[in-house]
Amino acid sequence: MNDRIKETFDKISAETALKNETKAFIAKKINQKNAFHPFLYQHIVPVMACFVFLLTGFYGYRVYFTQASIISIDINPSFELNINQFGKVLSIDSYNDDGTQLANSLKIRYMDYTDALDKILEDESIAAYLSQDELLTISVVGQSEEKSRKILENIEVHIPEQHNVCCHTSNFEEADKAHCAGLSVGKYRAFLELQKVNPNVTIDDVKGLTMRQIQELTGISGETEDNPSVGHDSGENRGGHRHRHGAGMN
């Protein structure tokens, strides 16, 4: 009798021990499954880092190569510098044959716009025009009037010694109208001024003219920095303007 009772208790103890061991085994496997395996850590983290790097690089690429401003330069060559938000020249758009020829000869891509203007003003053809009393117009189109004026101020400070240079600001709405007409911003503004005097004048009439010729046809007298009328245009859609060292347009 005693042997049977002992045998029964031994079976119960064994079953309890087996259950406890089984529970411990299962718990261990679950913990191992949920744990972040070092092998996975070594491989997933670098992949995620590469993904973040590529994503950041793609965004940075888009930001760098997105046009933020336009600097229109017109004398007889008529062309525009497309500028990113870092002030670098992304590309050049020309609007007449002289502009195309000059644009092709310039090596200013990815340069700061002030350095690019230095090279443009040092070009023999531009220097020749200025020596002949031709008018150089620089039109700045920015994402906002504040941004345009800031770029304009940088340009004016950078080229204070230049003669017969007219600088002003514009906006992208006017730039779109100019480009639809096949003109740069600067020449389009000059065309609008001439059209006020002669409503019959057409886009084709001004395409081959220099900025000085358009000014003379408009009948605007020369102005200098000493003239009180020189300053910023307060017109909402036309932007502002400044004349530096010589005649210019209102």
Protein backbone atom coordinates (compact mmCIF):
# COMPACT_ATOMS: atom_id res chain seq x y z
CA MET A 1 0.00 0.00 0.00
CA ASN A 2 2.73 2.43 0.93
CA ASP A 3 4.58 1.67 -2.33
CA ARG A 4 1.51 2.56 -4.39
CA ILE A 5 1.02 5.87 -2.58
CA LYS A 6 4.70 6.72 -3.08
CA GLU A 7 4.52 5.83 -6.76
CA THR A 8 1.46 8.04 -7.22
CA PHE A 9 3.15 11.07 -5.59
CA ASP A 10 6.30 10.51 -7.69
CA LYS A 11 4.20 10.65 -10.87
CA ILE A 12 2.54 13.88 -9.76
CA SER A 13 5.93 15.45 -8.92
CA ALA A 14 7.37 14.37 -12.28
CA GLU A 15 4.42 15.79 -14.18
CA THR A 16 4.73 19.10 -12.28
CA ALA A 17 8.46 19.31 -12.98
CA LEU A 18 7.83 18.52 -16.66
CA LYS A 19 5.22 21.25 -16.86
CA ASN A 20 7.55 23.76 -15.25
CA GLU A 21 10.41 22.84 -17.60
CA THR A 22 8.08 23.07 -20.58
CA LYS A 23 6.87 26.52 -19.53
CA ALA A 24 10.45 27.70 -19.07
CA PHE A 25 11.43 26.33 -22.49
CA ILE A 26 8.51 28.02 -24.25
CA ALA A 27 9.16 31.33 -22.46
CA LYS A 28 12.80 31.23 -23.51
CA LYS A 29 11.88 30.65 -27.17
CA ILE A 30 9.37 33.48 -27.11
CA ASN A 31 11.96 35.86 -25.64
CA GLN A 32 14.50 34.82 -28.28
CA LYS A 33 11.98 35.36 -31.04
CA ASN A 34 11.07 38.83 -29.82
CA ALA A 35 14.66 39.84 -29.22
CA PHE A 36 16.40 41.94 -31.94
CA HIS A 37 19.01 39.54 -33.23
CA PRO A 38 22.51 41.03 -33.52
CA PHE A 39 22.72 39.75 -37.08
CA LEU A 40 19.61 41.65 -38.04
CA TYR A 41 20.88 44.75 -36.26
CA GLN A 42 24.13 44.63 -38.18
CA HIS A 43 22.30 44.48 -41.52
CA ILE A 44 19.09 46.44 -41.08
CA VAL A 45 20.64 49.55 -39.51
CA PRO A 46 23.05 50.18 -42.42
CA VAL A 47 20.19 49.66 -44.90
CA MET A 48 18.02 52.17 -43.06
CA ALA A 49 20.91 54.63 -42.91
CA CYS A 50 21.39 54.32 -46.67
CA PHE A 51 17.69 54.88 -47.22
CA VAL A 52 17.73 58.06 -45.12
CA PHE A 53 20.87 59.25 -46.93
CA LEU A 54 19.30 58.65 -50.35
CA LEU A 55 16.09 60.35 -49.33
CA THR A 56 17.98 63.35 -48.02
CA GLY A 57 20.19 63.42 -51.10
CA PHE A 58 17.19 63.33 -53.44
CA TYR A 59 15.52 66.17 -51.57
CA GLY A 60 18.76 68.17 -51.56
CA TYR A 61 19.18 67.56 -55.29
CA ARG A 62 15.68 68.86 -55.99
CA VAL A 63 16.20 71.92 -53.82
CA TYR A 64 19.56 72.74 -55.42
CA PHE A 65 18.28 72.41 -58.99
CA THR A 66 15.02 74.29 -58.45
CA GLN A 67 14.85 77.80 -59.88
CA ALA A 68 14.24 80.43 -57.19
CA SER A 69 15.12 83.67 -59.00
CA ILE A 70 15.81 85.10 -62.44
CA ILE A 71 18.32 87.78 -63.36
CA SER A 72 17.50 89.24 -66.76
CA ILE A 73 20.39 91.00 -68.50
CA ASP A 74 19.68 93.14 -71.57
CA ILE A 75 21.78 95.52 -73.64
CA ASN A 76 21.73 94.01 -77.12
CA PRO A 77 22.56 90.49 -76.03
CA SER A 78 19.36 89.55 -74.20
CA PHE A 79 19.51 86.61 -71.80
CA GLU A 80 18.52 85.47 -68.32
CA LEU A 81 20.33 83.68 -65.51
CA ASN A 82 18.26 81.09 -63.66
CA ILE A 83 19.33 81.17 -60.00
CA ASN A 84 18.70 78.65 -57.22
CA GLN A 85 17.99 79.57 -53.60
CA PHE A 86 21.71 79.38 -52.82
CA GLY A 87 22.48 82.13 -55.34
CA LYS A 88 24.09 79.78 -57.88
CA VAL A 89 23.58 79.98 -61.64
CA LEU A 90 21.71 76.88 -62.83
CA SER A 91 21.34 77.75 -66.51
CA ILE A 92 21.15 80.56 -69.06
CA ASP A 93 18.19 81.29 -71.34
CA SER A 94 18.89 83.53 -74.34
CA TYR A 95 16.31 85.63 -76.20
CA ASN A 96 18.17 86.77 -79.30
CA ASP A 97 21.11 85.65 -81.43
CA ASP A 98 23.60 87.87 -79.61
CA GLY A 99 22.34 86.49 -76.31
CA THR A 100 22.78 82.92 -77.53
CA GLN A 101 26.30 83.62 -78.74
CA LEU A 102 27.30 85.22 -75.45
CA ALA A 103 25.60 82.52 -73.36
CA ASN A 104 27.50 79.81 -75.24
CA SER A 105 30.82 81.53 -74.56
CA LEU A 106 30.26 82.06 -70.85
CA LYS A 107 31.40 79.46 -68.35
CA ILE A 108 29.36 80.58 -65.37
CA ARG A 109 27.17 77.61 -64.52
CA TYR A 110 27.09 76.88 -60.76
CA MET A 111 28.89 80.14 -60.05
CA ASP A 112 27.56 82.63 -57.51
CA TYR A 113 25.46 85.19 -59.38
CA THR A 114 27.70 88.10 -58.33
CA ASP A 115 30.76 86.30 -59.72
CA ALA A 116 28.79 85.47 -62.86
CA LEU A 117 27.94 89.16 -63.32
CA ASP A 118 31.63 89.99 -63.01
CA LYS A 119 32.42 87.68 -65.92
CA ILE A 120 29.54 89.05 -67.97
CA LEU A 121 30.59 92.67 -67.44
CA GLU A 122 34.19 91.76 -68.27
CA ASP A 123 33.14 90.19 -71.57
CA GLU A 124 34.50 92.10 -74.57
CA SER A 125 31.13 92.45 -76.30
CA ILE A 126 29.42 93.85 -73.19
CA ALA A 127 32.33 96.19 -72.49
CA ALA A 128 32.16 97.40 -76.11
CA TYR A 129 28.45 98.16 -75.84
CA LEU A 130 28.94 100.07 -72.59
CA SER A 131 31.81 102.06 -74.08
CA GLN A 132 29.43 103.12 -76.85
CA ASP A 133 26.99 104.51 -74.26
CA GLU A 134 24.55 101.63 -74.62
CA LEU A 135 22.19 100.97 -71.74
CA LEU A 136 22.50 97.78 -69.69
CA THR A 137 19.35 96.70 -67.85
CA ILE A 138 19.41 94.19 -65.01
CA SER A 139 16.00 92.89 -63.93
CA VAL A 140 15.65 90.73 -60.83
CA VAL A 141 12.73 88.34 -60.43
CA GLY A 142 12.48 86.71 -57.01
CA GLN A 143 10.09 84.52 -55.04
CA SER A 144 9.04 87.62 -53.15
CA GLU A 145 9.58 91.36 -53.42
CA GLU A 146 11.83 91.20 -50.36
CA LYS A 147 13.98 88.49 -51.96
CA SER A 148 14.15 90.42 -55.24
CA ARG A 149 15.24 93.61 -53.50
CA LYS A 150 17.89 91.74 -51.53
CA ILE A 151 19.41 90.33 -54.72
CA LEU A 152 19.14 93.75 -56.35
CA GLU A 153 20.97 95.39 -53.45
CA ASN A 154 23.74 92.79 -53.67
CA ILE A 155 24.10 93.49 -57.38
CA GLU A 156 24.18 97.27 -56.93
CA VAL A 157 26.79 97.03 -54.19
CA HIS A 158 28.82 94.62 -56.29
CA ILE A 159 28.93 96.78 -59.45
CA PRO A 160 28.94 100.38 -58.18
CA GLU A 161 31.55 101.50 -60.72
CA GLN A 162 29.53 100.52 -63.79
CA HIS A 163 28.07 103.24 -65.99
CA ASN A 164 24.77 103.23 -67.88
CA VAL A 165 23.33 100.43 -65.79
CA CYS A 166 19.63 100.36 -64.94
CA CYS A 167 18.48 97.92 -62.24
CA HIS A 168 14.97 97.05 -61.16
CA THR A 169 12.85 94.26 -59.71
CA SER A 170 9.99 92.33 -61.24
CA ASN A 171 7.90 89.27 -60.41
CA PHE A 172 7.15 85.84 -61.87
CA GLU A 173 3.78 86.94 -63.24
CA GLU A 174 5.47 89.54 -65.42
CA ALA A 175 8.25 87.05 -66.25
CA ASP A 176 5.67 84.55 -67.52
CA LYS A 177 4.12 87.22 -69.78
CA ALA A 178 7.55 88.19 -71.07
CA HIS A 179 8.50 84.62 -71.87
CA CYS A 180 5.17 83.97 -73.60
CA ALA A 181 5.98 86.98 -75.80
CA GLY A 182 9.43 85.57 -76.53
CA LEU A 183 11.22 88.36 -74.64
CA SER A 184 13.37 88.58 -71.55
CA VAL A 185 11.93 90.35 -68.53
CA GLY A 186 14.05 93.46 -69.05
CA LYS A 187 13.16 93.91 -72.71
CA TYR A 188 9.51 93.17 -72.05
CA ARG A 189 9.37 95.97 -69.49
CA ALA A 190 11.01 98.31 -72.00
CA PHE A 191 8.45 97.23 -74.61
CA LEU A 192 5.57 98.05 -72.23
CA GLU A 193 7.03 101.52 -71.63
CA LEU A 194 7.37 102.11 -75.38
CA GLN A 195 3.83 100.86 -75.97
CA LYS A 196 2.50 103.59 -73.67
CA VAL A 197 4.00 106.14 -76.06
CA ASN A 198 3.20 104.26 -79.26
CA PRO A 199 0.31 101.78 -78.86
CA ASN A 200 0.97 100.43 -82.37
CA VAL A 201 4.42 99.09 -81.55
CA THR A 202 4.70 95.29 -81.60
CA ILE A 203 6.92 92.68 -79.97
CA ASP A 204 8.69 92.09 -83.29
CA ASP A 205 9.50 95.80 -83.51
CA VAL A 206 11.62 95.71 -80.38
CA LYS A 207 13.25 92.28 -80.59
CA GLY A 208 16.21 93.53 -82.62
CA LEU A 209 16.64 96.85 -80.82
CA THR A 210 19.14 97.64 -78.11
CA MET A 211 17.87 98.86 -74.76
CA ARG A 212 19.21 102.37 -75.53
CA GLN A 213 17.29 102.45 -78.83
CA ILE A 214 14.07 101.45 -77.09
CA GLN A 215 14.66 104.13 -74.49
CA GLU A 216 15.21 106.78 -77.13
CA LEU A 217 12.03 105.76 -78.94
CA THR A 218 10.18 106.00 -75.65
CA GLY A 219 11.43 109.56 -75.34
CA ILE A 220 12.64 109.29 -71.75
CA SER A 221 15.31 111.83 -70.90
CA GLY A 222 18.52 110.79 -69.18
CA GLU A 223 18.52 110.54 -65.41
CA THR A 224 21.34 110.24 -62.95
CA GLU A 225 21.62 109.26 -59.32
CA ASP A 226 21.44 112.97 -58.42
CA ASN A 227 17.97 113.17 -59.95
CA PRO A 228 15.35 113.04 -57.17
CA SER A 229 13.02 110.97 -59.36
CA VAL A 230 15.36 108.01 -59.21
CA GLY A 231 14.17 105.32 -56.80
CA HIS A 232 11.94 102.29 -56.43
CA ASP A 233 8.76 101.89 -58.40
CA SER A 234 5.86 101.40 -56.03
CA GLY A 235 3.69 99.69 -58.64
CA GLU A 236 2.31 96.40 -57.34
CA ASN A 237 2.86 94.42 -60.53
CA ARG A 238 5.87 96.19 -61.94
CA GLY A 239 8.32 95.91 -59.06
CA GLY A 240 10.95 98.55 -58.32
CA HIS A 241 13.81 100.12 -60.23
CA ARG A 242 17.02 102.01 -59.70
CA HIS A 243 19.28 103.82 -62.12
CA ARG A 244 23.01 103.75 -61.55
CA HIS A 245 25.49 106.15 -63.16
CA GLY A 246 23.62 107.20 -66.23
CA ALA A 247 20.38 107.17 -68.11
CA GLY A 248 17.65 104.68 -67.44
CA MET A 249 14.00 103.94 -67.78
CA ASN A 250 11.18 104.64 -65.36
